[in-house]
Amino acid sequence: MSSGMFKRKIGIGTISLPLALLGLVWSLEIRGFCLGDIVLNSIGLRVWTNVDTGTHLIVFYSLIFFIPALITGYMYKESFGSKAGRVVSIIFMGLLLILSLFSTSV
């Protein structure tokens, strides 16, 4: 292994990767389980534009994690994990945008 692989140090930009992964876990639904739905329902916030139909608002709530991950990853490029956080954020914000444009639940 190259010693260049370990040059990056943990810093502020390192938070980018955990934020992006949290946004991912927050927004994905696996076998009927969606962390974002459970948390938002428990504090009384709406998850859908209608009761159980319409636009799934988790897409917008997940941006609370993805946008700071993206910004932090760009601002602190020298930190360990910042590039991975940036990439994960970009990919999933793009996927969420595409899915929200093409999915309708009436």
C-alpha atoms as a PDB file:
ATOM      1  CA  MET A   1       0.000   0.000   0.000  1.00  0.00           C
ATOM      2  CA  SER A   2       1.090   3.500  -0.693  1.00  0.00           C
ATOM      3  CA  SER A   3       1.753   5.862   2.188  1.00  0.00           C
ATOM      4  CA  GLY A   4      -0.183   8.534   0.236  1.00  0.00           C
ATOM      5  CA  MET A   5      -3.341   6.637   1.043  1.00  0.00           C
ATOM      6  CA  PHE A   6      -3.071   7.589   4.697  1.00  0.00           C
ATOM      7  CA  LYS A   7      -2.104  11.266   4.345  1.00  0.00           C
ATOM      8  CA  ARG A   8      -5.577  12.627   4.979  1.00  0.00           C
ATOM      9  CA  LYS A   9      -6.344  13.412   8.592  1.00  0.00           C
ATOM     10  CA  ILE A  10      -9.591  13.477  10.457  1.00  0.00           C
ATOM     11  CA  GLY A  11     -10.954  17.006  10.474  1.00  0.00           C
ATOM     12  CA  ILE A  12     -14.133  19.008  10.014  1.00  0.00           C
ATOM     13  CA  GLY A  13     -14.641  17.569   6.521  1.00  0.00           C
ATOM     14  CA  THR A  14     -14.781  14.071   8.002  1.00  0.00           C
ATOM     15  CA  ILE A  15     -18.333  14.801   9.194  1.00  0.00           C
ATOM     16  CA  SER A  16     -19.388  14.845   5.529  1.00  0.00           C
ATOM     17  CA  LEU A  17     -19.447  11.059   5.205  1.00  0.00           C
ATOM     18  CA  PRO A  18     -21.497  10.317   8.363  1.00  0.00           C
ATOM     19  CA  LEU A  19     -23.979  13.064   7.405  1.00  0.00           C
ATOM     20  CA  ALA A  20     -24.389  11.607   3.918  1.00  0.00           C
ATOM     21  CA  LEU A  21     -24.846   8.093   5.312  1.00  0.00           C
ATOM     22  CA  LEU A  22     -27.382   9.363   7.844  1.00  0.00           C
ATOM     23  CA  GLY A  23     -29.290  11.051   5.012  1.00  0.00           C
ATOM     24  CA  LEU A  24     -29.241   7.764   3.145  1.00  0.00           C
ATOM     25  CA  VAL A  25     -30.564   5.763   6.109  1.00  0.00           C
ATOM     26  CA  TRP A  26     -33.089   8.519   6.829  1.00  0.00           C
ATOM     27  CA  SER A  27     -34.588   8.453   3.340  1.00  0.00           C
ATOM     28  CA  LEU A  28     -34.526   4.794   2.279  1.00  0.00           C
ATOM     29  CA  GLU A  29     -37.400   2.434   2.915  1.00  0.00           C
ATOM     30  CA  ILE A  30     -36.364  -1.176   3.384  1.00  0.00           C
ATOM     31  CA  ARG A  31     -39.080  -3.802   3.926  1.00  0.00           C
ATOM     32  CA  GLY A  32     -41.539  -1.174   5.069  1.00  0.00           C
ATOM     33  CA  PHE A  33     -39.097   0.425   7.520  1.00  0.00           C
ATOM     34  CA  CYS A  34     -38.141   4.053   6.964  1.00  0.00           C
ATOM     35  CA  LEU A  35     -36.268   5.761   9.795  1.00  0.00           C
ATOM     36  CA  GLY A  36     -37.356   9.211   8.629  1.00  0.00           C
ATOM     37  CA  ASP A  37     -41.031   8.230   8.672  1.00  0.00           C
ATOM     38  CA  ILE A  38     -40.793   6.856  12.197  1.00  0.00           C
ATOM     39  CA  VAL A  39     -38.944   9.862  13.631  1.00  0.00           C
ATOM     40  CA  LEU A  40     -41.127  12.467  11.926  1.00  0.00           C
ATOM     41  CA  ASN A  41     -44.372  10.697  12.868  1.00  0.00           C
ATOM     42  CA  SER A  42     -43.224  10.461  16.486  1.00  0.00           C
ATOM     43  CA  ILE A  43     -42.668  14.224  16.721  1.00  0.00           C
ATOM     44  CA  GLY A  44     -45.893  15.036  14.890  1.00  0.00           C
ATOM     45  CA  LEU A  45     -44.547  16.170  11.508  1.00  0.00           C
ATOM     46  CA  ARG A  46     -46.203  15.133   8.265  1.00  0.00           C
ATOM     47  CA  VAL A  47     -44.496  12.522   6.107  1.00  0.00           C
ATOM     48  CA  TRP A  48     -46.847  12.716   3.109  1.00  0.00           C
ATOM     49  CA  THR A  49     -48.570  15.719   1.546  1.00  0.00           C
ATOM     50  CA  ASN A  50     -51.882  13.921   2.119  1.00  0.00           C
ATOM     51  CA  VAL A  51     -52.412  11.498   4.985  1.00  0.00           C
ATOM     52  CA  ASP A  52     -50.817   8.417   3.369  1.00  0.00           C
ATOM     53  CA  THR A  53     -50.560   9.540  -0.260  1.00  0.00           C
ATOM     54  CA  GLY A  54     -49.167  12.330  -2.376  1.00  0.00           C
ATOM     55  CA  THR A  55     -45.553  13.425  -2.232  1.00  0.00           C
ATOM     56  CA  HIS A  56     -43.316  11.644   0.242  1.00  0.00           C
ATOM     57  CA  LEU A  57     -41.800  14.563   2.147  1.00  0.00           C
ATOM     58  CA  ILE A  58     -38.854  12.477   3.362  1.00  0.00           C
ATOM     59  CA  VAL A  59     -37.134  13.491   0.120  1.00  0.00           C
ATOM     60  CA  PHE A  60     -37.074  17.095   1.282  1.00  0.00           C
ATOM     61  CA  TYR A  61     -36.252  16.303   4.901  1.00  0.00           C
ATOM     62  CA  SER A  62     -33.258  14.211   3.811  1.00  0.00           C
ATOM     63  CA  LEU A  63     -31.733  17.338   2.252  1.00  0.00           C
ATOM     64  CA  ILE A  64     -31.123  18.468   5.851  1.00  0.00           C
ATOM     65  CA  PHE A  65     -28.351  15.859   5.866  1.00  0.00           C
ATOM     66  CA  PHE A  66     -27.221  15.815   2.223  1.00  0.00           C
ATOM     67  CA  ILE A  67     -26.715  19.555   1.676  1.00  0.00           C
ATOM     68  CA  PRO A  68     -24.473  20.087   4.751  1.00  0.00           C
ATOM     69  CA  ALA A  69     -22.559  16.916   3.819  1.00  0.00           C
ATOM     70  CA  LEU A  70     -21.984  18.267   0.323  1.00  0.00           C
ATOM     71  CA  ILE A  71     -20.941  21.728   1.504  1.00  0.00           C
ATOM     72  CA  THR A  72     -18.665  20.379   4.232  1.00  0.00           C
ATOM     73  CA  GLY A  73     -17.095  17.923   1.806  1.00  0.00           C
ATOM     74  CA  TYR A  74     -16.283  20.736  -0.626  1.00  0.00           C
ATOM     75  CA  MET A  75     -15.066  23.220   1.968  1.00  0.00           C
ATOM     76  CA  TYR A  76     -12.737  20.799   3.754  1.00  0.00           C
ATOM     77  CA  LYS A  77     -11.428  18.633   0.899  1.00  0.00           C
ATOM     78  CA  GLU A  78      -8.263  17.739   2.773  1.00  0.00           C
ATOM     79  CA  SER A  79     -10.106  15.836   5.524  1.00  0.00           C
ATOM     80  CA  PHE A  80     -10.478  12.077   5.578  1.00  0.00           C
ATOM     81  CA  GLY A  81     -13.886  10.968   4.200  1.00  0.00           C
ATOM     82  CA  SER A  82     -14.794  14.341   2.725  1.00  0.00           C
ATOM     83  CA  LYS A  83     -14.653  13.129  -0.882  1.00  0.00           C
ATOM     84  CA  ALA A  84     -16.745  10.046  -0.117  1.00  0.00           C
ATOM     85  CA  GLY A  85     -19.327  12.204   1.679  1.00  0.00           C
ATOM     86  CA  ARG A  86     -19.454  14.570  -1.283  1.00  0.00           C
ATOM     87  CA  VAL A  87     -19.910  11.758  -3.772  1.00  0.00           C
ATOM     88  CA  VAL A  88     -22.593   9.958  -1.738  1.00  0.00           C
ATOM     89  CA  SER A  89     -24.468  13.261  -1.300  1.00  0.00           C
ATOM     90  CA  ILE A  90     -24.377  14.112  -4.986  1.00  0.00           C
ATOM     91  CA  ILE A  91     -25.460  10.639  -6.071  1.00  0.00           C
ATOM     92  CA  PHE A  92     -28.364  10.377  -3.660  1.00  0.00           C
ATOM     93  CA  MET A  93     -29.598  13.939  -4.102  1.00  0.00           C
ATOM     94  CA  GLY A  94     -29.669  13.218  -7.824  1.00  0.00           C
ATOM     95  CA  LEU A  95     -31.473   9.914  -7.323  1.00  0.00           C
ATOM     96  CA  LEU A  96     -33.995  11.476  -4.959  1.00  0.00           C
ATOM     97  CA  LEU A  97     -34.648  14.265  -7.447  1.00  0.00           C
ATOM     98  CA  ILE A  98     -35.158  11.827 -10.306  1.00  0.00           C
ATOM     99  CA  LEU A  99     -37.355   9.513  -8.254  1.00  0.00           C
ATOM    100  CA  SER A 100     -39.471  12.373  -6.944  1.00  0.00           C
ATOM    101  CA  LEU A 101     -40.040  13.669 -10.483  1.00  0.00           C
ATOM    102  CA  PHE A 102     -41.148  10.323 -11.844  1.00  0.00           C
ATOM    103  CA  SER A 103     -43.062   8.874  -8.930  1.00  0.00           C
ATOM    104  CA  THR A 104     -46.599   9.749  -8.024  1.00  0.00           C
ATOM    105  CA  SER A 105     -48.652   8.173  -5.309  1.00  0.00           C
ATOM    106  CA  VAL A 106     -52.304   9.101  -5.495  1.00  0.00           C
END
